[in-house]
Structures are given as structure tokens and as C-alpha cells.
Amino acid sequence: MGDNKNRPDQNGTHRGPFERAKKKILLTQNVCGICGKPVDKGLKYPNPLSPCIDHIIPIAKGGHPSDISNLQLAHWICNRQKSDKLNGVSPVESNRNLPLSMDWTAYRSGE
């Protein structure tokens, strides 16, 4: 699963805060922040649909390693495919903050 030797969320000062945020996310979130589909928390790695924690803005792109506002629940496979890309959306536009009932990218308020 890649080289975690230099990951501050895995080793170092951010490990404790990351683990606490991870526990909170696993208790409070049920939907993949990348694909928007439910996550079965009973599945375990290496199942591709197993739950994991995604950095919304990847650490490699300057994202905070352990701040809960930069973390979201994801399927392992979705997170793997996203890798260190920003997915073309800002966190404000992602499905993490907006319902999936409509295409919010085309939404215009009644002006």
C-alpha cells in the first residue's frame, strides 16, 4: 500500500490526532466521500470496498495530515484510484458537503 515511512499521519506527531479523527469518522460517517455510495464497515482490507480514511486534500498536495476537516470516509478502492489527485473538485464542492440528490455543480440560486 505504498511507502508510509515518511507519512506524518502514520509515523510522528500526527499519528495520535489522526487515529482519534479516524475513530470519530468511522463512528459518524457512512458514505464514501469519493463515490458517494454507502461503505460497509464490516468489510476488512484487502476487500476493495473496505472502509479507509481519505485525505480530501492529499498530504502530498499540502493537505493537513490529521485535521478532521481534511479527512473523510472512503472505500479503499476509491481512495486508491484517487491517489494523490485532488479529483478536480474542491472540498466545498465534493459530495462530503452536498446531498447527492441533484447535480449541484450546475445549480444556480434563484437570483
N, C-alpha and C. Protein backbone atom coordinates (compact mmCIF):
# COMPACT_ATOMS: atom_id res chain seq x y z
N MET A 1 0.81 -1.20 0.00
CA MET A 1 0.00 0.00 0.00
C MET A 1 0.85 1.26 0.00
N GLY A 2 1.95 1.24 -0.64
CA GLY A 2 2.75 2.45 -0.71
C GLY A 2 3.71 2.57 0.44
N ASP A 3 4.51 3.61 0.38
CA ASP A 3 5.56 3.84 1.36
C ASP A 3 5.05 4.78 2.43
N ASN A 4 4.84 4.26 3.65
CA ASN A 4 4.33 5.08 4.74
C ASN A 4 5.43 5.56 5.67
N LYS A 5 6.70 5.32 5.32
CA LYS A 5 7.80 5.68 6.22
C LYS A 5 7.83 7.16 6.54
N ASN A 6 7.48 8.00 5.59
CA ASN A 6 7.56 9.44 5.79
C ASN A 6 6.20 10.10 5.91
N ARG A 7 5.17 9.34 6.23
CA ARG A 7 3.82 9.87 6.36
C ARG A 7 3.58 10.35 7.79
N PRO A 8 3.36 11.65 7.99
CA PRO A 8 3.16 12.15 9.35
C PRO A 8 1.90 11.64 10.02
N ASP A 9 0.91 11.15 9.23
CA ASP A 9 -0.30 10.59 9.84
C ASP A 9 -0.07 9.14 10.28
N GLN A 10 0.98 8.52 9.80
CA GLN A 10 1.29 7.14 10.16
C GLN A 10 2.42 7.05 11.19
N ASN A 11 3.36 7.95 11.09
CA ASN A 11 4.51 7.97 11.99
C ASN A 11 4.76 9.42 12.38
N GLY A 12 4.96 9.67 13.63
CA GLY A 12 5.30 11.03 14.01
C GLY A 12 4.20 11.74 14.77
N THR A 13 4.28 13.07 14.79
CA THR A 13 3.43 13.88 15.66
C THR A 13 1.95 13.82 15.31
N HIS A 14 1.59 13.48 14.10
CA HIS A 14 0.18 13.48 13.70
C HIS A 14 -0.50 12.12 13.88
N ARG A 15 0.26 11.11 14.26
CA ARG A 15 -0.34 9.77 14.36
C ARG A 15 -1.48 9.73 15.38
N GLY A 16 -1.27 10.25 16.57
CA GLY A 16 -2.31 10.24 17.61
C GLY A 16 -3.55 11.00 17.17
N PRO A 17 -3.41 12.26 16.75
CA PRO A 17 -4.58 13.01 16.28
C PRO A 17 -5.28 12.34 15.09
N PHE A 18 -4.49 11.75 14.17
CA PHE A 18 -5.09 11.05 13.03
C PHE A 18 -5.92 9.87 13.51
N GLU A 19 -5.39 9.07 14.43
CA GLU A 19 -6.11 7.90 14.93
C GLU A 19 -7.39 8.31 15.64
N ARG A 20 -7.37 9.40 16.39
CA ARG A 20 -8.58 9.89 17.07
C ARG A 20 -9.62 10.36 16.04
N ALA A 21 -9.17 11.08 15.03
CA ALA A 21 -10.09 11.55 13.97
C ALA A 21 -10.65 10.35 13.20
N LYS A 22 -9.82 9.36 12.94
CA LYS A 22 -10.25 8.16 12.22
C LYS A 22 -11.37 7.46 12.99
N LYS A 23 -11.22 7.30 14.29
CA LYS A 23 -12.26 6.66 15.11
C LYS A 23 -13.57 7.44 15.03
N LYS A 24 -13.48 8.77 15.11
CA LYS A 24 -14.68 9.60 15.05
C LYS A 24 -15.37 9.46 13.69
N ILE A 25 -14.59 9.48 12.62
CA ILE A 25 -15.14 9.34 11.27
C ILE A 25 -15.81 7.99 11.10
N LEU A 26 -15.17 6.93 11.59
CA LEU A 26 -15.76 5.59 11.46
C LEU A 26 -17.05 5.47 12.25
N LEU A 27 -17.21 6.26 13.31
CA LEU A 27 -18.44 6.25 14.09
C LEU A 27 -19.53 7.12 13.49
N THR A 28 -19.17 8.16 12.76
CA THR A 28 -20.15 9.16 12.34
C THR A 28 -20.44 9.20 10.84
N GLN A 29 -19.57 8.67 10.01
CA GLN A 29 -19.79 8.73 8.56
C GLN A 29 -20.11 7.34 8.02
N ASN A 30 -20.98 7.28 7.02
CA ASN A 30 -21.41 6.00 6.45
C ASN A 30 -21.30 5.95 4.94
N VAL A 31 -20.90 7.04 4.32
CA VAL A 31 -20.89 7.14 2.86
C VAL A 31 -19.49 7.50 2.39
N CYS A 32 -19.07 6.89 1.28
CA CYS A 32 -17.76 7.19 0.70
C CYS A 32 -17.75 8.64 0.22
N GLY A 33 -16.80 9.41 0.69
CA GLY A 33 -16.67 10.81 0.29
C GLY A 33 -16.19 10.98 -1.14
N ILE A 34 -15.78 9.90 -1.78
CA ILE A 34 -15.29 9.99 -3.16
C ILE A 34 -16.37 9.59 -4.15
N CYS A 35 -17.02 8.42 -3.94
CA CYS A 35 -18.03 7.95 -4.90
C CYS A 35 -19.46 8.21 -4.44
N GLY A 36 -19.66 8.50 -3.15
CA GLY A 36 -20.98 8.82 -2.65
C GLY A 36 -21.85 7.61 -2.30
N LYS A 37 -21.30 6.41 -2.38
CA LYS A 37 -22.07 5.20 -2.08
C LYS A 37 -21.80 4.75 -0.65
N PRO A 38 -22.74 3.99 -0.06
CA PRO A 38 -22.56 3.52 1.32
C PRO A 38 -21.29 2.67 1.48
N VAL A 39 -20.69 2.76 2.66
CA VAL A 39 -19.50 1.98 2.99
C VAL A 39 -19.90 0.93 4.02
N ASP A 40 -19.61 -0.33 3.73
CA ASP A 40 -19.87 -1.42 4.67
C ASP A 40 -18.67 -1.52 5.60
N LYS A 41 -18.84 -1.05 6.83
CA LYS A 41 -17.73 -1.02 7.78
C LYS A 41 -17.38 -2.41 8.31
N GLY A 42 -18.18 -3.43 7.96
CA GLY A 42 -17.88 -4.80 8.35
C GLY A 42 -16.85 -5.46 7.44
N LEU A 43 -16.61 -4.86 6.28
CA LEU A 43 -15.62 -5.41 5.35
C LEU A 43 -14.23 -5.05 5.83
N LYS A 44 -13.28 -5.93 5.59
CA LYS A 44 -11.90 -5.72 6.02
C LYS A 44 -10.98 -5.74 4.81
N TYR A 45 -9.89 -4.94 4.87
CA TYR A 45 -8.85 -4.98 3.86
C TYR A 45 -8.34 -6.41 3.79
N PRO A 46 -8.13 -7.00 2.61
CA PRO A 46 -7.94 -6.39 1.30
C PRO A 46 -9.20 -6.28 0.43
N ASN A 47 -10.39 -6.42 0.99
CA ASN A 47 -11.60 -6.22 0.20
C ASN A 47 -11.56 -4.80 -0.38
N PRO A 48 -11.73 -4.63 -1.69
CA PRO A 48 -11.63 -3.30 -2.30
C PRO A 48 -12.68 -2.31 -1.79
N LEU A 49 -13.79 -2.82 -1.24
CA LEU A 49 -14.83 -1.92 -0.73
C LEU A 49 -14.72 -1.70 0.77
N SER A 50 -13.63 -2.17 1.37
CA SER A 50 -13.43 -1.96 2.80
C SER A 50 -13.24 -0.48 3.11
N PRO A 51 -13.60 -0.07 4.33
CA PRO A 51 -13.50 1.35 4.67
C PRO A 51 -12.06 1.78 4.92
N CYS A 52 -11.78 3.02 4.59
CA CYS A 52 -10.49 3.64 4.91
C CYS A 52 -10.73 5.13 5.09
N ILE A 53 -9.71 5.83 5.50
CA ILE A 53 -9.79 7.27 5.69
C ILE A 53 -9.03 7.95 4.56
N ASP A 54 -9.72 8.85 3.88
CA ASP A 54 -9.15 9.60 2.76
C ASP A 54 -8.80 11.00 3.20
N HIS A 55 -7.64 11.48 2.77
CA HIS A 55 -7.27 12.88 2.93
C HIS A 55 -7.89 13.63 1.76
N ILE A 56 -8.85 14.51 2.02
CA ILE A 56 -9.55 15.23 0.97
C ILE A 56 -8.55 15.98 0.11
N ILE A 57 -7.71 16.78 0.75
CA ILE A 57 -6.57 17.38 0.06
C ILE A 57 -5.37 16.53 0.47
N PRO A 58 -4.79 15.79 -0.48
CA PRO A 58 -3.70 14.87 -0.15
C PRO A 58 -2.55 15.57 0.57
N ILE A 59 -1.90 14.82 1.45
CA ILE A 59 -0.74 15.35 2.17
C ILE A 59 0.30 15.85 1.16
N ALA A 60 0.48 15.09 0.08
CA ALA A 60 1.46 15.46 -0.95
C ALA A 60 1.14 16.79 -1.63
N LYS A 61 -0.13 17.22 -1.53
CA LYS A 61 -0.55 18.49 -2.14
C LYS A 61 -0.74 19.58 -1.08
N GLY A 62 -0.24 19.34 0.13
CA GLY A 62 -0.31 20.34 1.18
C GLY A 62 -1.46 20.17 2.16
N GLY A 63 -2.21 19.07 2.04
CA GLY A 63 -3.33 18.82 2.95
C GLY A 63 -2.84 18.49 4.35
N HIS A 64 -3.63 18.85 5.35
CA HIS A 64 -3.27 18.58 6.74
C HIS A 64 -3.33 17.07 7.01
N PRO A 65 -2.32 16.51 7.67
CA PRO A 65 -2.27 15.07 7.89
C PRO A 65 -3.31 14.53 8.87
N SER A 66 -3.78 15.36 9.82
CA SER A 66 -4.65 14.79 10.86
C SER A 66 -5.87 15.63 11.21
N ASP A 67 -6.04 16.80 10.61
CA ASP A 67 -7.20 17.63 10.91
C ASP A 67 -8.45 16.96 10.35
N ILE A 68 -9.45 16.77 11.21
CA ILE A 68 -10.66 16.04 10.79
C ILE A 68 -11.38 16.72 9.63
N SER A 69 -11.19 18.02 9.46
CA SER A 69 -11.83 18.71 8.33
C SER A 69 -11.19 18.33 7.00
N ASN A 70 -10.03 17.67 7.02
CA ASN A 70 -9.37 17.22 5.79
C ASN A 70 -9.49 15.70 5.63
N LEU A 71 -10.32 15.07 6.44
CA LEU A 71 -10.45 13.62 6.39
C LEU A 71 -11.89 13.22 6.11
N GLN A 72 -12.07 12.11 5.42
CA GLN A 72 -13.41 11.60 5.15
C GLN A 72 -13.35 10.09 4.98
N LEU A 73 -14.48 9.45 5.19
CA LEU A 73 -14.60 8.02 4.97
C LEU A 73 -14.59 7.74 3.48
N ALA A 74 -13.96 6.64 3.09
CA ALA A 74 -13.92 6.25 1.67
C ALA A 74 -13.80 4.75 1.56
N HIS A 75 -14.18 4.23 0.39
CA HIS A 75 -13.86 2.84 0.06
C HIS A 75 -12.36 2.78 -0.22
N TRP A 76 -11.73 1.67 0.12
CA TRP A 76 -10.30 1.54 -0.12
C TRP A 76 -9.99 1.72 -1.61
N ILE A 77 -10.80 1.12 -2.49
CA ILE A 77 -10.53 1.19 -3.92
C ILE A 77 -10.70 2.62 -4.45
N CYS A 78 -11.69 3.34 -3.94
CA CYS A 78 -11.89 4.73 -4.37
C CYS A 78 -10.68 5.58 -3.97
N ASN A 79 -10.22 5.39 -2.75
CA ASN A 79 -9.07 6.14 -2.25
C ASN A 79 -7.82 5.77 -3.05
N ARG A 80 -7.68 4.51 -3.36
CA ARG A 80 -6.52 4.04 -4.14
C ARG A 80 -6.52 4.67 -5.53
N GLN A 81 -7.69 4.73 -6.16
CA GLN A 81 -7.78 5.30 -7.51
C GLN A 81 -7.57 6.81 -7.48
N LYS A 82 -8.02 7.46 -6.41
CA LYS A 82 -7.82 8.90 -6.28
C LYS A 82 -6.34 9.21 -6.10
N SER A 83 -5.64 8.37 -5.35
CA SER A 83 -4.22 8.53 -5.06
C SER A 83 -3.96 9.92 -4.49
N ASP A 84 -3.02 10.66 -5.07
CA ASP A 84 -2.73 12.00 -4.54
C ASP A 84 -3.30 13.09 -5.43
N LYS A 85 -4.35 12.73 -6.20
CA LYS A 85 -5.01 13.72 -7.04
C LYS A 85 -6.06 14.47 -6.22
N LEU A 86 -6.40 15.64 -6.66
CA LEU A 86 -7.42 16.44 -5.99
C LEU A 86 -8.81 16.12 -6.52
N ASN A 87 -8.91 15.21 -7.50
CA ASN A 87 -10.19 14.77 -8.04
C ASN A 87 -10.94 15.86 -8.79
N GLY A 88 -10.29 16.98 -9.07
CA GLY A 88 -10.93 18.02 -9.87
C GLY A 88 -12.00 18.81 -9.15
N VAL A 89 -12.21 18.58 -7.86
CA VAL A 89 -13.19 19.34 -7.10
C VAL A 89 -12.56 19.84 -5.82
N SER A 90 -13.03 20.96 -5.37
CA SER A 90 -12.57 21.46 -4.08
C SER A 90 -13.38 20.78 -3.00
N PRO A 91 -12.91 20.74 -1.76
CA PRO A 91 -13.69 20.12 -0.69
C PRO A 91 -15.09 20.72 -0.55
N VAL A 92 -15.25 22.00 -0.89
CA VAL A 92 -16.56 22.64 -0.77
C VAL A 92 -17.54 22.05 -1.77
N GLU A 93 -17.03 21.66 -2.95
CA GLU A 93 -17.90 21.11 -4.00
C GLU A 93 -18.09 19.61 -3.90
N SER A 94 -17.31 18.94 -3.07
CA SER A 94 -17.38 17.48 -3.01
C SER A 94 -18.69 17.02 -2.38
N ASN A 95 -19.03 15.76 -2.60
CA ASN A 95 -20.27 15.22 -2.05
C ASN A 95 -20.22 15.13 -0.54
N ARG A 96 -19.09 15.41 0.06
CA ARG A 96 -18.98 15.37 1.51
C ARG A 96 -19.86 16.44 2.15
N ASN A 97 -20.08 17.56 1.45
CA ASN A 97 -20.82 18.67 2.00
C ASN A 97 -22.16 18.91 1.34
N LEU A 98 -22.44 18.25 0.22
CA LEU A 98 -23.67 18.49 -0.51
C LEU A 98 -24.42 17.19 -0.74
N PRO A 99 -25.74 17.20 -0.62
CA PRO A 99 -26.51 15.98 -0.90
C PRO A 99 -26.33 15.54 -2.35
N LEU A 100 -26.49 14.24 -2.58
CA LEU A 100 -26.30 13.69 -3.92
C LEU A 100 -27.59 13.65 -4.71
N SER A 101 -28.64 14.35 -4.24
CA SER A 101 -29.95 14.27 -4.87
C SER A 101 -30.03 15.03 -6.19
N MET A 102 -29.07 15.86 -6.47
CA MET A 102 -29.06 16.59 -7.74
C MET A 102 -27.64 16.95 -8.12
N ASP A 103 -27.46 17.41 -9.34
CA ASP A 103 -26.14 17.83 -9.81
C ASP A 103 -25.90 19.25 -9.30
N TRP A 104 -25.23 19.37 -8.18
CA TRP A 104 -25.01 20.67 -7.55
C TRP A 104 -24.00 21.52 -8.32
N THR A 105 -23.20 20.91 -9.20
CA THR A 105 -22.22 21.70 -9.94
C THR A 105 -22.91 22.64 -10.94
N ALA A 106 -24.15 22.29 -11.36
CA ALA A 106 -24.88 23.12 -12.31
C ALA A 106 -25.92 24.01 -11.62
N TYR A 107 -26.01 23.93 -10.30
CA TYR A 107 -27.02 24.66 -9.54
C TYR A 107 -26.77 26.16 -9.58
N ARG A 108 -27.82 26.91 -9.79
CA ARG A 108 -27.77 28.38 -9.73
C ARG A 108 -28.91 28.83 -8.81
N SER A 109 -28.60 29.65 -7.85
CA SER A 109 -29.64 30.12 -6.95
C SER A 109 -30.60 31.04 -7.68
N GLY A 110 -31.82 31.11 -7.18
CA GLY A 110 -32.83 31.99 -7.80
C GLY A 110 -32.45 33.44 -7.55
N GLU A 111 -31.88 34.06 -8.55
CA GLU A 111 -31.39 35.44 -8.38
C GLU A 111 -32.44 36.44 -8.80
